[in-house]
Amino acid sequence: MHSYLSPFADKQPCKYLAVAAAALMLLAAPAFSQQGKPKASCESLAKLALPNTTITMAETVAAGTFKFPARNTPPALQPVPAPQGAPGAPAALPGPGAPGGPSGPGTPDTSKWPAFCRIAATLAPSSDSDIKIEVWLPADNWNGKFIAAGNGGWAGSISYQGMAQMLVAGYATTSTDTGHTGNSGAFIIGHPEKFIDYTWRADHEMTLKAKEIIKAFYGTGPKFSYWIGCSLGGQEALIEAAKFPEDYNGIVAGAPLNPIVMFNADQMWTAWLINKNPEKLIPGPKWTMIHDAVMKKCGAPVDLKLGYLTDPNHCDFQPSSLACKGADAADCLTAPQVEFLTQYYEGPKNPRTGAHIYHGQPKGAELDMVRGGGVNPAGVAVDMYKYAVFQDPNWDWKTLDYDKDIDKADKVVDPLFRAYPNQIAEYLKKGGKLLIHMGGTESFDGSDIIDLVNDAAKQAGPKYKDSIKLFEMPGMNHCGGGLGCDQFDKIGTIDSWVTEGKTPERIVASKLANGQPVRTRPICAWPLVSRYKGSGSEDDAASYVCAK
C-alpha cells in the first residue's frame, strides 16, 4: 500500500515527497523584489518578546555555509528545468522515492544558497506545549512574501529541505515539528494539549509568530502569505483554511486526508476484511490480472500506451466480470475474492446502516496491492485509533467496530482535525484561494474531496466559484511518483492566482528522469480531464486538451 503522511508513524519516505513538492513550487518562481532590506540585525531578534515564545537562536548564516542537521539530511538535490512556456527559475528536487532512489542519498550542495537570518523558537501556548519552529529570512532581496514550506513531512522534525527551496527563491519561510518528536502517537496519552498542538495549534501559532518575526526583521509584515503541503500537510492546509481563514492568502493542499479518521478507517479496511475471512485474500499475481482487465475496460488508447487511466472516476469496471466459471484459476476470481474486490473499490461502510464511511480505491491503481497485499493495516491508521481515539496502547485493530468505533473516532478527533464545507466557504468569502490536487492512482478515489469542493463552492456562492479549484493528476501516486506527470509549478500558480487574479484552469505538469523532463501533460480543473487530441506525441502537453 502507499505510505502516507498520516499522523504518527515514521514519515521519512514521504518526507522526500514533501521536499519534491516544495521544490516543484519553484519551477516558475517570480523574479526577486528589491524591497526586502532588513531594518534590524538578525542577532537583535534574540531579544524579541512575543507571547508564549522563547527565541533559542538568532544568527546570520553566511551565503553557502548552512549545514543540515544530521537527522534531516535529505537525498542529493538535482536541478529542475522549467516546464514549457514558463519563465524558468532554478529549483531543486530529490530523486524519486525514499533514500536509495535514483539520485541516491547524500547531502545537497548549499554553496549557492544566499545569506539568511535563522531564527529558532519554542512556543508554549499551553503549559504542556513544546512546539519548535524555525523562521528563515533572506538577508537581501526578500520578495515581500511568506510561505509555510514543507509542513506535512516527517513528524517530529522541521522541514529544512522545504524551507531551503523557498529561501533560494526569495521567500521568508517557516516550518514546525508540530509540538512533538518521534514516530509514535504514544505522546498523546495523558497529554491532550499536545494532541491539540499536533492537529492545529502548532501550525497556527507558528504562522502568527513567523509573521511577527518577519515584521521585526524587515520593518513590515509579508504582503502575501501562502501554505504549501501534501498528504498530512494537505490536511493541515485545509485545517488552516477552515479554522483560521485570515492566516494565508493562498493555499495549495495536496491529497488532503479529510476527514482523517474516516480515511484511517479505510486504511485498515482491506486487512480487516481479510482477517475476518482469509478466503478473500487475492494473491499478488491476480492483482496484475485485475489491473489489466480494468485498463482494457476503461483505458483509452493513450491510457493503454502510458499505463494509467486518464479518468478513473468514470471507470465502470465490475469485479463480477472476473468471476470464475468453475474452479479457481489464475485468470479469474473466486466468489469471496469478487466480494473483496467490490468492497476494496467501495471502501468501508457502516455494517448496521450501510452508510458510506470513506470511498475506497480508484480503478487503475490495483498494482499497488501487489506490493502491499492488503493483509496488514497502515501503522499510521492503527496509531490514530490506538492513541488518539481509544487512548489504549494495547488496542488491537482486529477488534475495530465499523459502527460504534467510527462514531467514537468522529466525536474525539473530527472537531480538531477535520475541515467542513461551510468553513472552507468562509475562507473563500474572505478572499482566500484554495488549490487542491491529488493523484489519479492514490490509494483513495478522491470522491470525498470532490464532495468537499462541490459543497464548499455551493455554500460560498457563485461569486466565489473560481476561488477553489481541484486538479486530479492522472497516473500520479500519493504526492508524487507513479507513471504520470507528477510535478507542476505550485507556488507560481498560487502566487499568480492571488496577486494577479489568474484563475488556474489548465496547468502543465512534467515527469522527470535524471532531472530532465521526459513527458509533459496538462492537468485540468475538475470536472474537466485531459484528453489526447488523436495526433502528436503522447508525451507532449500540446497534444492534449481539457474536456469533459
Protein backbone atom coordinates (compact mmCIF):
# COMPACT_ATOMS: atom_id res chain seq x y z
CA MET A 1 0.00 0.00 0.00
CA HIS A 2 1.05 3.61 -0.37
CA SER A 3 2.89 5.15 2.57
CA TYR A 4 1.05 8.21 3.88
CA LEU A 5 1.92 11.26 5.88
CA SER A 6 -0.74 10.36 8.40
CA PRO A 7 -0.39 11.24 12.00
CA PHE A 8 2.29 9.36 13.85
CA ALA A 9 4.36 6.75 12.03
CA ASP A 10 7.86 7.32 10.71
CA LYS A 11 7.27 9.64 7.79
CA GLN A 12 10.77 9.64 6.39
CA PRO A 13 9.83 8.13 3.00
CA CYS A 14 7.12 10.68 2.44
CA LYS A 15 9.42 13.43 3.65
CA TYR A 16 11.20 13.24 0.35
CA LEU A 17 7.90 13.55 -1.47
CA ALA A 18 7.22 16.66 0.59
CA VAL A 19 10.64 18.02 -0.41
CA ALA A 20 9.90 17.30 -4.04
CA ALA A 21 6.58 19.09 -3.71
CA ALA A 22 8.28 22.11 -2.20
CA ALA A 23 10.88 22.15 -4.96
CA LEU A 24 8.33 21.95 -7.70
CA MET A 25 6.59 25.05 -6.49
CA LEU A 26 9.57 26.97 -7.82
CA LEU A 27 9.54 25.92 -11.43
CA ALA A 28 8.41 29.36 -12.47
CA ALA A 29 9.02 31.49 -9.39
CA PRO A 30 8.63 35.23 -9.88
CA ALA A 31 11.66 37.49 -10.02
CA PHE A 32 13.11 38.82 -6.80
CA SER A 33 11.93 42.13 -5.48
CA GLN A 34 14.46 44.68 -4.28
CA GLN A 35 12.19 45.86 -1.48
CA GLY A 36 13.25 43.41 1.21
CA LYS A 37 16.12 45.00 3.10
CA PRO A 38 16.39 44.22 6.82
CA LYS A 39 15.66 47.03 9.26
CA ALA A 40 17.15 45.22 12.25
CA SER A 41 20.10 42.93 12.79
CA CYS A 42 19.39 39.23 12.91
CA GLU A 43 21.10 38.82 16.26
CA SER A 44 18.94 41.54 17.82
CA LEU A 45 15.89 39.30 17.29
CA ALA A 46 17.14 37.11 20.13
CA LYS A 47 15.62 39.72 22.45
CA LEU A 48 12.30 39.91 20.60
CA ALA A 49 9.46 39.49 23.09
CA LEU A 50 6.48 37.52 21.78
CA PRO A 51 3.69 35.90 23.81
CA ASN A 52 4.39 32.33 24.91
CA THR A 53 7.60 32.31 22.87
CA THR A 54 11.23 31.69 23.71
CA ILE A 55 13.70 32.55 20.96
CA THR A 56 16.50 29.98 21.20
CA MET A 57 18.56 31.01 18.17
CA ALA A 58 19.04 34.19 16.17
CA GLU A 59 22.05 34.00 13.91
CA THR A 60 23.14 35.12 10.49
CA VAL A 61 24.06 32.25 8.19
CA ALA A 62 26.62 33.37 5.63
CA ALA A 63 25.97 32.56 1.99
CA GLY A 64 26.79 28.97 1.13
CA THR A 65 27.64 27.85 4.66
CA PHE A 66 24.48 26.18 6.00
CA LYS A 67 24.93 22.65 7.33
CA PHE A 68 21.93 20.33 7.50
CA PRO A 69 21.37 18.77 10.92
CA ALA A 70 22.20 15.06 10.71
CA ARG A 71 18.64 13.93 11.38
CA ASN A 72 17.27 15.96 8.49
CA THR A 73 19.83 15.17 5.81
CA PRO A 74 17.86 14.83 2.57
CA PRO A 75 18.82 12.97 -0.59
CA ALA A 76 21.02 14.73 -3.10
CA LEU A 77 19.23 17.51 -4.96
CA GLN A 78 19.04 17.80 -8.73
CA PRO A 79 18.30 20.87 -10.87
CA VAL A 80 14.79 21.08 -12.27
CA PRO A 81 14.18 22.78 -15.62
CA ALA A 82 11.11 24.94 -16.04
CA PRO A 83 8.15 23.46 -17.95
CA GLN A 84 7.45 24.58 -21.50
CA GLY A 85 6.37 28.18 -21.66
CA ALA A 86 7.41 29.01 -18.07
CA PRO A 87 9.85 31.82 -17.38
CA GLY A 88 12.09 29.39 -15.52
CA ALA A 89 13.88 29.78 -12.22
CA PRO A 90 16.43 27.34 -10.85
CA ALA A 91 14.94 24.86 -8.42
CA ALA A 92 15.93 21.56 -6.95
CA LEU A 93 14.35 18.28 -6.13
CA PRO A 94 15.35 14.91 -4.81
CA GLY A 95 15.34 11.74 -6.79
CA PRO A 96 12.03 9.87 -6.76
CA GLY A 97 11.01 7.91 -3.74
CA ALA A 98 12.73 7.36 -0.45
CA PRO A 99 16.51 7.28 0.17
CA GLY A 100 18.15 4.89 -2.21
CA GLY A 101 16.20 6.16 -5.22
CA PRO A 102 17.92 7.04 -8.49
CA SER A 103 19.63 10.08 -7.03
CA GLY A 104 20.80 8.14 -4.02
CA PRO A 105 21.24 9.50 -0.50
CA GLY A 106 23.58 12.37 0.09
CA THR A 107 23.93 15.92 1.25
CA PRO A 108 22.72 18.72 -1.04
CA ASP A 109 25.05 21.40 -2.25
CA THR A 110 24.35 24.53 -0.23
CA SER A 111 27.25 26.51 -1.64
CA LYS A 112 24.98 28.75 -3.72
CA TRP A 113 22.46 29.46 -1.02
CA PRO A 114 22.05 33.12 -0.12
CA ALA A 115 22.80 34.53 3.30
CA PHE A 116 19.86 34.44 5.68
CA CYS A 117 18.76 35.11 9.21
CA ARG A 118 17.96 31.89 11.03
CA ILE A 119 15.54 32.08 13.93
CA ALA A 120 14.62 29.11 16.12
CA ALA A 121 11.96 29.35 18.82
CA THR A 122 9.96 27.26 21.24
CA LEU A 123 6.26 28.04 21.58
CA ALA A 124 4.19 27.22 24.66
CA PRO A 125 0.56 28.22 24.12
CA SER A 126 -0.37 25.73 26.88
CA SER A 127 1.50 24.57 29.98
CA ASP A 128 2.15 21.22 28.25
CA SER A 129 3.17 22.62 24.86
CA ASP A 130 6.68 22.32 23.45
CA ILE A 131 6.40 23.47 19.82
CA LYS A 132 9.61 24.00 17.91
CA ILE A 133 9.66 26.32 14.90
CA GLU A 134 12.25 27.87 12.65
CA VAL A 135 11.92 31.02 10.55
CA TRP A 136 14.39 31.78 7.75
CA LEU A 137 14.65 35.32 6.43
CA PRO A 138 16.62 36.26 3.29
CA ALA A 139 19.35 38.74 4.17
CA ASP A 140 18.85 40.51 0.84
CA ASN A 141 16.20 40.71 -1.86
CA TRP A 142 13.25 39.43 0.15
CA ASN A 143 10.30 39.37 -2.25
CA GLY A 144 7.86 40.57 0.39
CA LYS A 145 6.09 37.21 0.65
CA PHE A 146 5.93 34.37 3.14
CA ILE A 147 5.48 30.61 2.72
CA ALA A 148 4.93 27.89 5.27
CA ALA A 149 7.04 25.30 3.47
CA GLY A 150 7.48 21.59 3.87
CA ASN A 151 4.83 21.13 6.55
CA GLY A 152 3.26 17.71 6.50
CA GLY A 153 6.60 15.99 6.30
CA TRP A 154 8.43 13.82 8.75
CA ALA A 155 6.60 14.00 12.07
CA GLY A 156 8.62 15.45 14.87
CA SER A 157 11.12 17.40 12.78
CA ILE A 158 11.35 20.72 11.00
CA SER A 159 11.47 20.59 7.20
CA TYR A 160 14.77 22.26 6.45
CA GLN A 161 14.62 20.92 2.92
CA GLY A 162 11.29 22.54 2.15
CA MET A 163 12.40 25.80 3.72
CA ALA A 164 15.56 25.75 1.64
CA GLN A 165 13.62 25.80 -1.62
CA MET A 166 11.65 28.85 -0.53
CA LEU A 167 14.69 30.68 0.79
CA VAL A 168 16.55 30.33 -2.50
CA ALA A 169 13.51 31.79 -4.28
CA GLY A 170 13.48 34.88 -2.06
CA TYR A 171 10.67 33.99 0.35
CA ALA A 172 10.60 34.27 4.10
CA THR A 173 9.71 30.80 5.24
CA THR A 174 8.89 28.70 8.28
CA SER A 175 8.29 25.15 9.47
CA THR A 176 7.39 23.38 12.72
CA ASP A 177 7.75 19.98 14.38
CA THR A 178 4.03 20.25 15.33
CA GLY A 179 4.89 20.01 19.01
CA HIS A 180 6.35 16.54 19.45
CA THR A 181 9.23 14.31 18.45
CA GLY A 182 9.43 10.67 17.44
CA ASN A 183 7.34 8.45 15.22
CA SER A 184 4.67 7.17 17.56
CA GLY A 185 1.34 8.54 18.70
CA ALA A 186 2.13 7.50 22.26
CA PHE A 187 2.79 11.14 23.13
CA ILE A 188 -0.99 11.74 23.08
CA ILE A 189 -1.83 9.57 26.07
CA GLY A 190 -2.10 11.81 29.09
CA HIS A 191 -1.29 14.90 27.01
CA PRO A 192 -4.45 16.26 25.42
CA GLU A 193 -2.85 19.67 24.89
CA LYS A 194 -0.10 18.10 22.79
CA PHE A 195 -2.71 16.49 20.58
CA ILE A 196 -4.34 19.88 20.09
CA ASP A 197 -0.92 21.27 19.19
CA TYR A 198 -0.44 18.47 16.70
CA THR A 199 -3.79 18.78 14.97
CA TRP A 200 -3.97 22.56 14.51
CA ARG A 201 -2.47 24.80 17.17
CA ALA A 202 1.21 24.36 16.30
CA ASP A 203 0.58 25.40 12.69
CA HIS A 204 -1.45 28.45 13.66
CA GLU A 205 0.94 29.57 16.39
CA MET A 206 3.87 29.08 14.02
CA THR A 207 2.12 31.27 11.47
CA LEU A 208 1.41 34.10 13.91
CA LYS A 209 4.90 34.10 15.38
CA ALA A 210 6.61 33.85 12.00
CA LYS A 211 4.75 36.92 10.76
CA GLU A 212 5.79 38.88 13.86
CA ILE A 213 9.41 37.85 13.40
CA ILE A 214 9.27 38.87 9.73
CA LYS A 215 7.88 42.26 10.70
CA ALA A 216 10.54 42.78 13.34
CA PHE A 217 13.34 41.98 10.87
CA TYR A 218 12.17 43.87 7.79
CA GLY A 219 10.05 46.55 9.43
CA THR A 220 6.94 45.27 7.66
CA GLY A 221 4.99 42.06 7.57
CA PRO A 222 4.52 39.91 4.48
CA LYS A 223 2.26 41.30 1.80
CA PHE A 224 1.10 37.81 0.81
CA SER A 225 1.22 34.53 2.70
CA TYR A 226 0.96 31.00 1.31
CA TRP A 227 0.77 27.47 2.60
CA ILE A 228 2.03 24.52 0.58
CA GLY A 229 1.58 20.96 1.87
CA CYS A 230 0.74 17.45 0.75
CA SER A 231 -0.81 14.41 2.45
CA LEU A 232 -0.87 15.26 6.14
CA GLY A 233 0.40 18.68 5.05
CA GLY A 234 -2.57 18.90 2.72
CA GLN A 235 -4.88 18.11 5.61
CA GLU A 236 -3.14 20.74 7.74
CA ALA A 237 -3.70 23.15 4.85
CA LEU A 238 -7.45 22.53 4.95
CA ILE A 239 -7.50 22.93 8.73
CA GLU A 240 -5.70 26.27 8.45
CA ALA A 241 -8.26 27.45 5.89
CA ALA A 242 -11.15 26.16 7.98
CA LYS A 243 -10.11 27.43 11.40
CA PHE A 244 -8.02 30.49 10.54
CA PRO A 245 -9.12 31.91 7.19
CA GLU A 246 -7.01 35.04 7.58
CA ASP A 247 -3.69 33.23 8.07
CA TYR A 248 -2.98 32.57 4.37
CA ASN A 249 -3.99 34.33 1.17
CA GLY A 250 -3.41 31.23 -0.90
CA ILE A 251 -3.22 27.55 -0.05
CA VAL A 252 -2.09 24.53 -2.05
CA ALA A 253 -3.46 21.39 -0.40
CA GLY A 254 -2.13 18.19 -1.91
CA ALA A 255 -4.01 14.92 -1.35
CA PRO A 256 -5.70 16.05 1.90
CA LEU A 257 -6.90 13.22 4.14
CA ASN A 258 -10.26 14.70 5.06
CA PRO A 259 -11.89 13.52 7.28
CA ILE A 260 -8.73 11.87 8.56
CA VAL A 261 -10.26 9.28 10.93
CA MET A 262 -12.51 8.07 8.12
CA PHE A 263 -9.50 7.81 5.85
CA ASN A 264 -7.66 5.90 8.58
CA ALA A 265 -10.62 3.54 8.82
CA ASP A 266 -10.23 2.91 5.09
CA GLN A 267 -6.51 2.23 5.58
CA MET A 268 -7.42 -0.65 7.88
CA TRP A 269 -10.36 -1.88 5.78
CA THR A 270 -8.75 -4.44 3.48
CA ALA A 271 -6.70 -6.04 6.26
CA TRP A 272 -9.78 -6.12 8.48
CA LEU A 273 -11.81 -7.87 5.76
CA ILE A 274 -9.14 -10.50 5.13
CA ASN A 275 -8.70 -11.09 8.84
CA LYS A 276 -12.42 -11.80 9.11
CA ASN A 277 -12.38 -14.11 6.08
CA PRO A 278 -8.95 -15.28 4.79
CA GLU A 279 -10.62 -16.67 1.66
CA LYS A 280 -10.97 -13.09 0.46
CA LEU A 281 -7.21 -12.73 0.05
CA ILE A 282 -6.30 -12.13 -3.60
CA PRO A 283 -2.79 -13.41 -4.44
CA GLY A 284 -0.33 -10.89 -5.87
CA PRO A 285 -0.32 -12.20 -9.47
CA LYS A 286 -4.09 -11.84 -9.66
CA TRP A 287 -3.82 -8.12 -8.99
CA THR A 288 -1.85 -7.77 -12.20
CA MET A 289 -4.62 -9.66 -13.98
CA ILE A 290 -7.24 -7.38 -12.40
CA HIS A 291 -5.33 -4.26 -13.41
CA ASP A 292 -5.03 -5.46 -16.99
CA ALA A 293 -8.80 -6.09 -17.08
CA VAL A 294 -9.51 -2.60 -15.72
CA MET A 295 -7.24 -0.98 -18.28
CA LYS A 296 -8.81 -3.00 -21.10
CA LYS A 297 -12.30 -2.00 -19.96
CA CYS A 298 -11.75 1.69 -19.28
CA GLY A 299 -8.48 2.77 -20.87
CA ALA A 300 -8.37 4.94 -23.97
CA PRO A 301 -5.64 4.02 -26.48
CA VAL A 302 -3.29 6.61 -25.00
CA ASP A 303 -4.01 5.23 -21.50
CA LEU A 304 -3.05 1.75 -22.61
CA LYS A 305 0.20 3.06 -24.05
CA LEU A 306 1.13 5.09 -20.96
CA GLY A 307 -0.12 2.51 -18.44
CA TYR A 308 -2.66 4.52 -16.43
CA LEU A 309 -6.23 5.80 -16.67
CA THR A 310 -6.91 9.39 -17.61
CA ASP A 311 -10.29 9.38 -15.85
CA PRO A 312 -10.53 6.69 -13.16
CA ASN A 313 -13.61 8.30 -11.61
CA HIS A 314 -15.78 7.21 -14.54
CA CYS A 315 -14.48 3.67 -14.98
CA ASP A 316 -17.41 1.21 -14.88
CA PHE A 317 -15.37 -1.99 -14.47
CA GLN A 318 -17.27 -4.57 -12.40
CA PRO A 319 -15.40 -7.20 -10.31
CA SER A 320 -18.09 -9.76 -11.14
CA SER A 321 -16.82 -9.79 -14.73
CA LEU A 322 -13.79 -11.76 -13.49
CA ALA A 323 -15.75 -14.38 -11.53
CA CYS A 324 -14.54 -17.94 -12.08
CA LYS A 325 -16.93 -20.07 -14.12
CA GLY A 326 -15.67 -23.21 -12.40
CA ALA A 327 -12.66 -23.93 -10.21
CA ASP A 328 -10.26 -21.25 -9.00
CA ALA A 329 -7.71 -20.23 -11.64
CA ALA A 330 -5.06 -17.59 -12.22
CA ASP A 331 -7.26 -15.65 -14.64
CA CYS A 332 -10.41 -15.41 -12.51
CA LEU A 333 -11.67 -14.61 -9.02
CA THR A 334 -13.46 -16.86 -6.56
CA ALA A 335 -16.74 -15.67 -5.03
CA PRO A 336 -15.04 -14.41 -1.82
CA GLN A 337 -12.41 -12.62 -3.93
CA VAL A 338 -15.09 -10.96 -6.06
CA GLU A 339 -16.79 -9.77 -2.89
CA PHE A 340 -13.48 -8.48 -1.55
CA LEU A 341 -12.63 -6.58 -4.74
CA THR A 342 -16.07 -4.98 -4.70
CA GLN A 343 -15.52 -3.87 -1.10
CA TYR A 344 -12.00 -2.73 -1.99
CA TYR A 345 -13.39 -0.29 -4.56
CA GLU A 346 -16.39 0.78 -2.49
CA GLY A 347 -14.49 1.43 0.73
CA PRO A 348 -15.75 0.82 4.26
CA LYS A 349 -19.44 1.12 5.09
CA ASN A 350 -21.31 1.09 8.36
CA PRO A 351 -22.45 -2.55 8.76
CA ARG A 352 -25.62 -1.51 10.57
CA THR A 353 -26.80 1.36 8.40
CA GLY A 354 -24.92 0.79 5.16
CA ALA A 355 -23.77 4.41 5.24
CA HIS A 356 -20.60 5.33 3.42
CA ILE A 357 -17.60 5.86 5.72
CA TYR A 358 -14.89 6.61 3.14
CA HIS A 359 -14.55 5.91 -0.56
CA GLY A 360 -12.25 3.04 -1.44
CA GLN A 361 -9.54 2.58 -4.01
CA PRO A 362 -9.60 4.10 -7.51
CA LYS A 363 -9.89 1.95 -10.58
CA GLY A 364 -6.50 1.63 -12.24
CA ALA A 365 -4.42 1.64 -9.03
CA GLU A 366 -4.60 -2.13 -8.48
CA LEU A 367 -0.87 -2.77 -8.86
CA ASP A 368 -0.37 -1.07 -5.51
CA MET A 369 -1.98 -4.09 -3.87
CA VAL A 370 0.64 -6.37 -5.44
CA ARG A 371 3.16 -4.76 -3.10
CA GLY A 372 1.01 -4.40 -0.02
CA GLY A 373 -1.16 -7.48 -0.34
CA GLY A 374 -3.78 -5.94 1.92
CA VAL A 375 -3.01 -8.24 4.86
CA ASN A 376 -1.51 -5.57 7.11
CA PRO A 377 -3.16 -2.26 8.01
CA ALA A 378 -1.30 1.03 7.76
CA GLY A 379 0.53 1.59 11.02
CA VAL A 380 -0.32 5.29 11.00
CA ALA A 381 -4.02 4.44 10.91
CA VAL A 382 -3.69 1.98 13.79
CA ASP A 383 -1.83 4.62 15.79
CA MET A 384 -4.61 7.16 15.33
CA TYR A 385 -7.20 4.82 16.76
CA LYS A 386 -4.92 3.27 19.36
CA TYR A 387 -3.64 6.51 20.87
CA ALA A 388 -6.00 9.32 19.90
CA VAL A 389 -9.37 7.57 19.81
CA PHE A 390 -9.03 4.86 22.49
CA GLN A 391 -6.02 6.09 24.47
CA ASP A 392 -5.02 2.43 24.80
CA PRO A 393 -1.55 1.24 23.67
CA ASN A 394 -2.84 -2.34 23.72
CA TRP A 395 -5.77 -1.74 21.38
CA ASP A 396 -5.99 -4.39 18.65
CA TRP A 397 -7.06 -3.25 15.18
CA LYS A 398 -8.71 -6.62 14.59
CA THR A 399 -11.41 -5.60 17.09
CA LEU A 400 -12.36 -2.46 15.16
CA ASP A 401 -16.12 -1.98 15.05
CA TYR A 402 -17.04 -0.12 11.87
CA ASP A 403 -20.21 1.09 13.53
CA LYS A 404 -19.59 2.20 17.10
CA ASP A 405 -15.83 2.81 16.85
CA ILE A 406 -16.12 5.09 13.84
CA ASP A 407 -18.72 7.16 15.67
CA LYS A 408 -16.37 7.43 18.63
CA ALA A 409 -13.47 8.47 16.39
CA ASP A 410 -15.68 11.07 14.77
CA LYS A 411 -16.52 12.63 18.13
CA VAL A 412 -12.97 12.53 19.52
CA VAL A 413 -10.86 13.60 16.54
CA ASP A 414 -13.02 15.36 13.95
CA PRO A 415 -13.63 18.56 15.96
CA LEU A 416 -9.84 19.06 15.94
CA PHE A 417 -8.75 17.64 12.61
CA ARG A 418 -11.50 18.00 10.02
CA ALA A 419 -12.42 20.73 7.56
CA TYR A 420 -16.11 21.18 6.78
CA PRO A 421 -17.55 22.70 3.59
CA ASN A 422 -19.09 25.67 5.40
CA GLN A 423 -15.70 26.51 6.93
CA ILE A 424 -13.95 26.33 3.56
CA ALA A 425 -16.71 28.51 2.14
CA GLU A 426 -15.90 31.18 4.75
CA TYR A 427 -12.23 31.05 3.73
CA LEU A 428 -13.21 31.68 0.13
CA LYS A 429 -15.54 34.54 1.06
CA LYS A 430 -12.71 36.21 2.96
CA GLY A 431 -10.67 36.30 -0.24
CA GLY A 432 -8.65 33.10 0.10
CA LYS A 433 -7.67 30.99 -2.90
CA LEU A 434 -7.59 27.22 -2.45
CA LEU A 435 -5.95 24.83 -4.90
CA ILE A 436 -6.38 21.12 -4.13
CA HIS A 437 -4.55 18.45 -6.10
CA MET A 438 -4.48 14.66 -5.87
CA GLY A 439 -3.12 11.74 -7.84
CA GLY A 440 -5.14 9.53 -10.12
CA THR A 441 -3.54 6.43 -8.60
CA GLU A 442 -3.88 7.44 -4.96
CA SER A 443 -4.96 4.77 -2.54
CA PHE A 444 -8.35 6.52 -2.34
CA ASP A 445 -10.56 7.56 -5.21
CA GLY A 446 -10.99 11.23 -4.30
CA SER A 447 -14.78 11.26 -4.15
CA ASP A 448 -14.78 12.67 -0.63
CA ILE A 449 -12.56 15.55 -1.73
CA ILE A 450 -14.75 16.19 -4.78
CA ASP A 451 -17.77 16.37 -2.46
CA LEU A 452 -15.95 18.84 -0.20
CA VAL A 453 -15.04 21.08 -3.13
CA ASN A 454 -18.56 20.99 -4.59
CA ASP A 455 -20.24 21.69 -1.25
CA ALA A 456 -17.84 24.49 -0.31
CA ALA A 457 -18.27 26.20 -3.69
CA LYS A 458 -22.04 25.90 -3.43
CA GLN A 459 -22.14 27.33 0.08
CA ALA A 460 -19.77 30.17 -0.79
CA GLY A 461 -21.99 31.17 -3.72
CA PRO A 462 -21.46 31.90 -7.43
CA LYS A 463 -19.25 34.91 -6.72
CA TYR A 464 -16.57 32.63 -5.27
CA LYS A 465 -16.83 29.61 -7.57
CA ASP A 466 -13.44 30.48 -9.08
CA SER A 467 -11.74 30.74 -5.67
CA ILE A 468 -11.43 26.98 -5.26
CA LYS A 469 -10.01 24.57 -7.83
CA LEU A 470 -9.41 20.83 -7.80
CA PHE A 471 -6.88 19.12 -10.05
CA GLU A 472 -6.56 15.37 -10.44
CA MET A 473 -3.20 14.27 -11.86
CA PRO A 474 -3.57 11.13 -14.00
CA GLY A 475 -1.19 8.32 -13.12
CA MET A 476 0.33 10.10 -10.11
CA ASN A 477 0.65 8.27 -6.80
CA HIS A 478 0.40 9.92 -3.41
CA CYS A 479 2.02 13.38 -3.63
CA GLY A 480 4.32 12.20 -6.40
CA GLY A 481 5.66 9.18 -8.19
CA GLY A 482 3.75 6.78 -10.40
CA LEU A 483 3.72 6.69 -14.18
CA GLY A 484 2.02 10.04 -14.72
CA CYS A 485 3.34 13.58 -14.74
CA ASP A 486 3.72 14.38 -11.06
CA GLN A 487 5.32 17.82 -10.88
CA PHE A 488 3.94 21.29 -11.51
CA ASP A 489 4.63 24.87 -10.57
CA LYS A 490 2.68 25.09 -7.32
CA ILE A 491 3.98 28.37 -5.98
CA GLY A 492 3.88 30.17 -9.32
CA THR A 493 0.28 29.04 -9.80
CA ILE A 494 -0.97 30.10 -6.38
CA ASP A 495 1.02 33.35 -6.44
CA SER A 496 -0.31 34.49 -9.82
CA TRP A 497 -3.82 33.49 -8.75
CA VAL A 498 -3.64 35.59 -5.57
CA THR A 499 -1.67 38.56 -6.84
CA GLU A 500 -2.84 38.80 -10.46
CA GLY A 501 -6.23 37.12 -10.43
CA LYS A 502 -5.13 34.43 -12.90
CA THR A 503 -7.50 31.60 -12.06
CA PRO A 504 -5.86 28.25 -12.89
CA GLU A 505 -7.82 26.11 -15.32
CA ARG A 506 -5.06 24.22 -17.15
CA ILE A 507 -1.62 23.60 -15.67
CA VAL A 508 1.26 21.84 -17.40
CA ALA A 509 2.75 19.04 -15.31
CA SER A 510 6.00 17.22 -16.01
CA LYS A 511 7.60 13.84 -15.49
CA LEU A 512 11.32 13.90 -14.83
CA ALA A 513 14.03 11.31 -15.31
CA ASN A 514 17.52 12.12 -14.07
CA GLY A 515 16.43 15.68 -13.52
CA GLN A 516 15.17 16.21 -17.07
CA PRO A 517 11.57 16.30 -18.35
CA VAL A 518 10.63 13.23 -20.38
CA ARG A 519 6.91 13.93 -20.57
CA THR A 520 4.51 16.84 -20.11
CA ARG A 521 0.75 16.75 -19.81
CA PRO A 522 -1.91 19.24 -18.79
CA ILE A 523 -3.81 18.78 -15.57
CA CYS A 524 -7.27 20.25 -15.78
CA ALA A 525 -9.54 21.90 -13.25
CA TRP A 526 -12.23 19.45 -12.18
CA PRO A 527 -14.56 18.30 -13.69
CA LEU A 528 -12.52 18.53 -16.88
CA VAL A 529 -9.84 15.95 -17.71
CA SER A 530 -7.00 15.98 -20.22
CA ARG A 531 -7.90 14.23 -23.47
CA TYR A 532 -5.48 13.21 -26.19
CA LYS A 533 -6.28 15.02 -29.45
CA GLY A 534 -5.55 11.93 -31.50
CA SER A 535 -2.36 13.21 -33.06
CA GLY A 536 1.02 14.38 -31.87
CA SER A 537 3.31 12.92 -29.25
CA GLU A 538 1.60 11.35 -26.25
CA ASP A 539 4.47 12.79 -24.21
CA ASP A 540 3.76 16.41 -25.17
CA ALA A 541 1.20 18.55 -23.34
CA ALA A 542 0.37 20.27 -26.63
CA SER A 543 -1.25 17.02 -27.79
CA TYR A 544 -3.95 17.23 -25.11
CA VAL A 545 -7.00 19.38 -24.44
CA CYS A 546 -9.09 19.82 -21.31
CA ALA A 547 -12.54 18.35 -21.93
CA LYS A 548 -15.46 16.71 -20.18
